[in-house]
Every structure is written in C-alpha cells, then in structure tokens.
Amino acid sequence: MPIDALTERVTRYEAYVELRELWDNGVETIDRIQPQYLGKGDEIKRKLLKAAIELLDARILQLSKFDMAKFDLRRTIDGIPASAESIELGAREEVAREWRQNQRAAVPDGKPSDGSAGGTGSGRDAFS
C-alpha cells in the first residue's frame, strides 16, 4: 500500500462504498471455493459478511439522502453563543422582555390605573 493511500482524505460515503466493495469481494471469493474445500468457518464468514454488507447498505442509503443545505454545520456553529455568560445574559434579557410585555398587556394605555408612576416605587423595574 503506497503512503499516499494512508494520507488520502475521502468522505464517509466514499469510505463506506469502498468497504462494501471489499466485503463483497470476500463473499465472491468464498462463493468461488469448490464445495469439497468449503468448511464451516467459510460458511459462517460468508453469513457474517452478508449481514455486514446489509447493514452497510442501510448506512450508505442514509448518507445518500443527506441534505447539505438542511444540515449546514457552519450555520449551526455560528448560532452557538460564545460563552455560558452570554447564554445567561440572553436568558435574563428574554425574561425581562417577556415581563415588560406582560406588564404592557395588563395596562392598555401603558400607565397604571391609580395614577402613580408604577413599577416597584424605586423608579426601576424588577430586572434592572
């Protein structure tokens, strides 16, 4: 095996197809053995290879239906927040935003009905 073959980069699909061909060659080799030279081990090996090929065929079929646009890794990675702090900050902002929307929805004109300035009395809302 040449050294270039060890450093060659292939897709997972290509590797599975190549492995399937290799296993299929093993089945063909066992099938060509003369019956008088065929042993129990050969029969077991043939059954195992056939089962492995069926599993590999299912995996190849699954990979052939893979939609790159639907599973864009770059878009997924870009959507991950930079740190746990940013996740926590985003969650706090979302809770505060929902609280303010609920407060506005409870009072149609945006002012409390008793004429006071509203809020907690300190001039700040509960999330400031």
C-alpha atoms as a PDB file:
ATOM      1  CA  MET A   1       0.000   0.000   0.000  1.00  0.00           C
ATOM      2  CA  PRO A   2       1.524   3.338  -1.012  1.00  0.00           C
ATOM      3  CA  ILE A   3       1.998   6.034   1.619  1.00  0.00           C
ATOM      4  CA  ASP A   4      -0.282   8.392  -0.312  1.00  0.00           C
ATOM      5  CA  ALA A   5      -3.171   5.990   0.334  1.00  0.00           C
ATOM      6  CA  LEU A   6      -2.744   6.473   4.093  1.00  0.00           C
ATOM      7  CA  THR A   7      -2.960  10.264   3.880  1.00  0.00           C
ATOM      8  CA  GLU A   8      -5.740  10.405   1.306  1.00  0.00           C
ATOM      9  CA  ARG A   9      -8.812  12.248   2.524  1.00  0.00           C
ATOM     10  CA  VAL A  10     -12.191  10.860   1.496  1.00  0.00           C
ATOM     11  CA  THR A  11     -15.773  11.389   2.527  1.00  0.00           C
ATOM     12  CA  ARG A  12     -17.504   8.976   4.863  1.00  0.00           C
ATOM     13  CA  TYR A  13     -19.752   7.926   1.971  1.00  0.00           C
ATOM     14  CA  GLU A  14     -16.743   7.047  -0.211  1.00  0.00           C
ATOM     15  CA  ALA A  15     -15.135   5.078   2.622  1.00  0.00           C
ATOM     16  CA  TYR A  16     -18.331   3.075   3.194  1.00  0.00           C
ATOM     17  CA  VAL A  17     -18.680   2.316  -0.531  1.00  0.00           C
ATOM     18  CA  GLU A  18     -15.075   1.142  -0.690  1.00  0.00           C
ATOM     19  CA  LEU A  19     -15.542  -1.030   2.411  1.00  0.00           C
ATOM     20  CA  ARG A  20     -18.714  -2.511   0.919  1.00  0.00           C
ATOM     21  CA  GLU A  21     -16.830  -3.446  -2.262  1.00  0.00           C
ATOM     22  CA  LEU A  22     -14.114  -5.090  -0.184  1.00  0.00           C
ATOM     23  CA  TRP A  23     -16.600  -7.161   1.815  1.00  0.00           C
ATOM     24  CA  ASP A  24     -18.487  -8.059  -1.370  1.00  0.00           C
ATOM     25  CA  ASN A  25     -15.208  -9.335  -2.850  1.00  0.00           C
ATOM     26  CA  GLY A  26     -14.856 -11.546   0.238  1.00  0.00           C
ATOM     27  CA  VAL A  27     -18.311 -13.036  -0.340  1.00  0.00           C
ATOM     28  CA  GLU A  28     -17.497 -13.649  -4.016  1.00  0.00           C
ATOM     29  CA  THR A  29     -14.229 -15.319  -3.048  1.00  0.00           C
ATOM     30  CA  ILE A  30     -15.994 -17.657  -0.630  1.00  0.00           C
ATOM     31  CA  ASP A  31     -18.655 -18.394  -3.284  1.00  0.00           C
ATOM     32  CA  ARG A  32     -15.912 -19.473  -5.728  1.00  0.00           C
ATOM     33  CA  ILE A  33     -14.423 -22.021  -3.334  1.00  0.00           C
ATOM     34  CA  GLN A  34     -15.023 -25.568  -4.527  1.00  0.00           C
ATOM     35  CA  PRO A  35     -17.678 -27.258  -2.333  1.00  0.00           C
ATOM     36  CA  GLN A  36     -15.283 -30.011  -1.217  1.00  0.00           C
ATOM     37  CA  TYR A  37     -12.892 -27.374   0.182  1.00  0.00           C
ATOM     38  CA  LEU A  38     -15.586 -25.262   1.835  1.00  0.00           C
ATOM     39  CA  GLY A  39     -15.523 -25.520   5.632  1.00  0.00           C
ATOM     40  CA  LYS A  40     -17.899 -24.497   8.408  1.00  0.00           C
ATOM     41  CA  GLY A  41     -15.809 -21.417   9.086  1.00  0.00           C
ATOM     42  CA  ASP A  42     -16.198 -20.312   5.482  1.00  0.00           C
ATOM     43  CA  GLU A  43     -19.978 -20.631   5.683  1.00  0.00           C
ATOM     44  CA  ILE A  44     -20.079 -18.636   8.920  1.00  0.00           C
ATOM     45  CA  LYS A  45     -17.762 -15.976   7.489  1.00  0.00           C
ATOM     46  CA  ARG A  46     -19.967 -15.679   4.383  1.00  0.00           C
ATOM     47  CA  LYS A  47     -23.114 -15.193   6.517  1.00  0.00           C
ATOM     48  CA  LEU A  48     -21.356 -12.574   8.656  1.00  0.00           C
ATOM     49  CA  LEU A  49     -20.089 -10.711   5.597  1.00  0.00           C
ATOM     50  CA  LYS A  50     -23.567 -10.717   4.021  1.00  0.00           C
ATOM     51  CA  ALA A  51     -25.094  -9.347   7.243  1.00  0.00           C
ATOM     52  CA  ALA A  52     -22.405  -6.670   7.481  1.00  0.00           C
ATOM     53  CA  ILE A  53     -22.996  -5.692   3.856  1.00  0.00           C
ATOM     54  CA  GLU A  54     -26.728  -5.303   4.541  1.00  0.00           C
ATOM     55  CA  LEU A  55     -26.009  -3.000   7.479  1.00  0.00           C
ATOM     56  CA  LEU A  56     -23.509  -1.030   5.435  1.00  0.00           C
ATOM     57  CA  ASP A  57     -26.018  -0.718   2.583  1.00  0.00           C
ATOM     58  CA  ALA A  58     -28.509   0.819   5.014  1.00  0.00           C
ATOM     59  CA  ARG A  59     -25.877   3.317   6.183  1.00  0.00           C
ATOM     60  CA  ILE A  60     -24.903   4.182   2.611  1.00  0.00           C
ATOM     61  CA  LEU A  61     -28.568   4.731   1.749  1.00  0.00           C
ATOM     62  CA  GLN A  62     -28.941   7.018   4.759  1.00  0.00           C
ATOM     63  CA  LEU A  63     -25.868   9.042   3.752  1.00  0.00           C
ATOM     64  CA  SER A  64     -27.023   9.293   0.145  1.00  0.00           C
ATOM     65  CA  LYS A  65     -30.179  11.074   1.349  1.00  0.00           C
ATOM     66  CA  PHE A  66     -28.191  13.574   3.456  1.00  0.00           C
ATOM     67  CA  ASP A  67     -29.121  17.152   2.556  1.00  0.00           C
ATOM     68  CA  MET A  68     -26.188  19.530   2.998  1.00  0.00           C
ATOM     69  CA  ALA A  69     -28.370  22.646   2.903  1.00  0.00           C
ATOM     70  CA  LYS A  70     -30.563  21.353   5.721  1.00  0.00           C
ATOM     71  CA  PHE A  71     -27.641  20.389   7.954  1.00  0.00           C
ATOM     72  CA  ASP A  72     -25.231  23.266   7.436  1.00  0.00           C
ATOM     73  CA  LEU A  73     -22.593  22.844  10.138  1.00  0.00           C
ATOM     74  CA  ARG A  74     -21.302  26.390   9.766  1.00  0.00           C
ATOM     75  CA  ARG A  75     -24.740  27.869  10.405  1.00  0.00           C
ATOM     76  CA  THR A  76     -25.190  25.610  13.427  1.00  0.00           C
ATOM     77  CA  ILE A  77     -21.820  26.575  14.893  1.00  0.00           C
ATOM     78  CA  ASP A  78     -22.408  30.285  14.265  1.00  0.00           C
ATOM     79  CA  GLY A  79     -25.659  30.038  16.231  1.00  0.00           C
ATOM     80  CA  ILE A  80     -23.914  28.789  19.372  1.00  0.00           C
ATOM     81  CA  PRO A  81     -23.337  31.558  21.949  1.00  0.00           C
ATOM     82  CA  ALA A  82     -19.711  32.376  22.693  1.00  0.00           C
ATOM     83  CA  SER A  83     -19.846  31.567  26.403  1.00  0.00           C
ATOM     84  CA  ALA A  84     -22.057  30.465  29.253  1.00  0.00           C
ATOM     85  CA  GLU A  85     -22.225  34.088  30.396  1.00  0.00           C
ATOM     86  CA  SER A  86     -23.760  35.151  27.102  1.00  0.00           C
ATOM     87  CA  ILE A  87     -26.324  32.347  27.386  1.00  0.00           C
ATOM     88  CA  GLU A  88     -27.243  33.507  30.906  1.00  0.00           C
ATOM     89  CA  LEU A  89     -27.370  37.159  29.837  1.00  0.00           C
ATOM     90  CA  GLY A  90     -29.587  36.275  26.866  1.00  0.00           C
ATOM     91  CA  ALA A  91     -31.941  34.318  29.111  1.00  0.00           C
ATOM     92  CA  ARG A  92     -32.201  37.210  31.571  1.00  0.00           C
ATOM     93  CA  GLU A  93     -32.919  39.647  28.746  1.00  0.00           C
ATOM     94  CA  GLU A  94     -35.621  37.341  27.384  1.00  0.00           C
ATOM     95  CA  VAL A  95     -37.289  37.036  30.808  1.00  0.00           C
ATOM     96  CA  ALA A  96     -37.174  40.811  31.280  1.00  0.00           C
ATOM     97  CA  ARG A  97     -38.607  41.383  27.801  1.00  0.00           C
ATOM     98  CA  GLU A  98     -41.479  38.960  28.455  1.00  0.00           C
ATOM     99  CA  TRP A  99     -42.177  40.604  31.841  1.00  0.00           C
ATOM    100  CA  ARG A 100     -42.350  44.056  30.239  1.00  0.00           C
ATOM    101  CA  GLN A 101     -44.669  42.782  27.501  1.00  0.00           C
ATOM    102  CA  ASN A 102     -46.949  41.222  30.106  1.00  0.00           C
ATOM    103  CA  GLN A 103     -46.998  44.484  32.059  1.00  0.00           C
ATOM    104  CA  ARG A 104     -47.908  46.471  28.938  1.00  0.00           C
ATOM    105  CA  ALA A 105     -50.605  43.956  28.022  1.00  0.00           C
ATOM    106  CA  ALA A 106     -52.125  44.216  31.508  1.00  0.00           C
ATOM    107  CA  VAL A 107     -52.439  48.027  31.267  1.00  0.00           C
ATOM    108  CA  PRO A 108     -53.792  49.083  27.838  1.00  0.00           C
ATOM    109  CA  ASP A 109     -52.550  52.713  27.812  1.00  0.00           C
ATOM    110  CA  GLY A 110     -49.185  51.887  29.382  1.00  0.00           C
ATOM    111  CA  LYS A 111     -49.970  53.751  32.636  1.00  0.00           C
ATOM    112  CA  PRO A 112     -51.211  52.286  35.929  1.00  0.00           C
ATOM    113  CA  SER A 113     -54.840  52.956  36.731  1.00  0.00           C
ATOM    114  CA  ASP A 114     -54.077  54.557  40.139  1.00  0.00           C
ATOM    115  CA  GLY A 115     -52.152  57.474  38.579  1.00  0.00           C
ATOM    116  CA  SER A 116     -48.813  56.602  40.196  1.00  0.00           C
ATOM    117  CA  ALA A 117     -45.585  56.232  38.268  1.00  0.00           C
ATOM    118  CA  GLY A 118     -45.884  52.457  38.520  1.00  0.00           C
ATOM    119  CA  GLY A 119     -43.200  49.820  38.934  1.00  0.00           C
ATOM    120  CA  THR A 120     -41.695  48.968  42.297  1.00  0.00           C
ATOM    121  CA  GLY A 121     -41.704  52.523  43.562  1.00  0.00           C
ATOM    122  CA  SER A 122     -37.956  52.975  43.101  1.00  0.00           C
ATOM    123  CA  GLY A 123     -38.238  54.107  39.504  1.00  0.00           C
ATOM    124  CA  ARG A 124     -36.632  50.879  38.300  1.00  0.00           C
ATOM    125  CA  ASP A 125     -38.246  47.677  37.139  1.00  0.00           C
ATOM    126  CA  ALA A 126     -37.592  44.367  38.880  1.00  0.00           C
ATOM    127  CA  PHE A 127     -34.920  43.283  36.363  1.00  0.00           C
ATOM    128  CA  SER A 128     -32.739  46.392  36.325  1.00  0.00           C
END
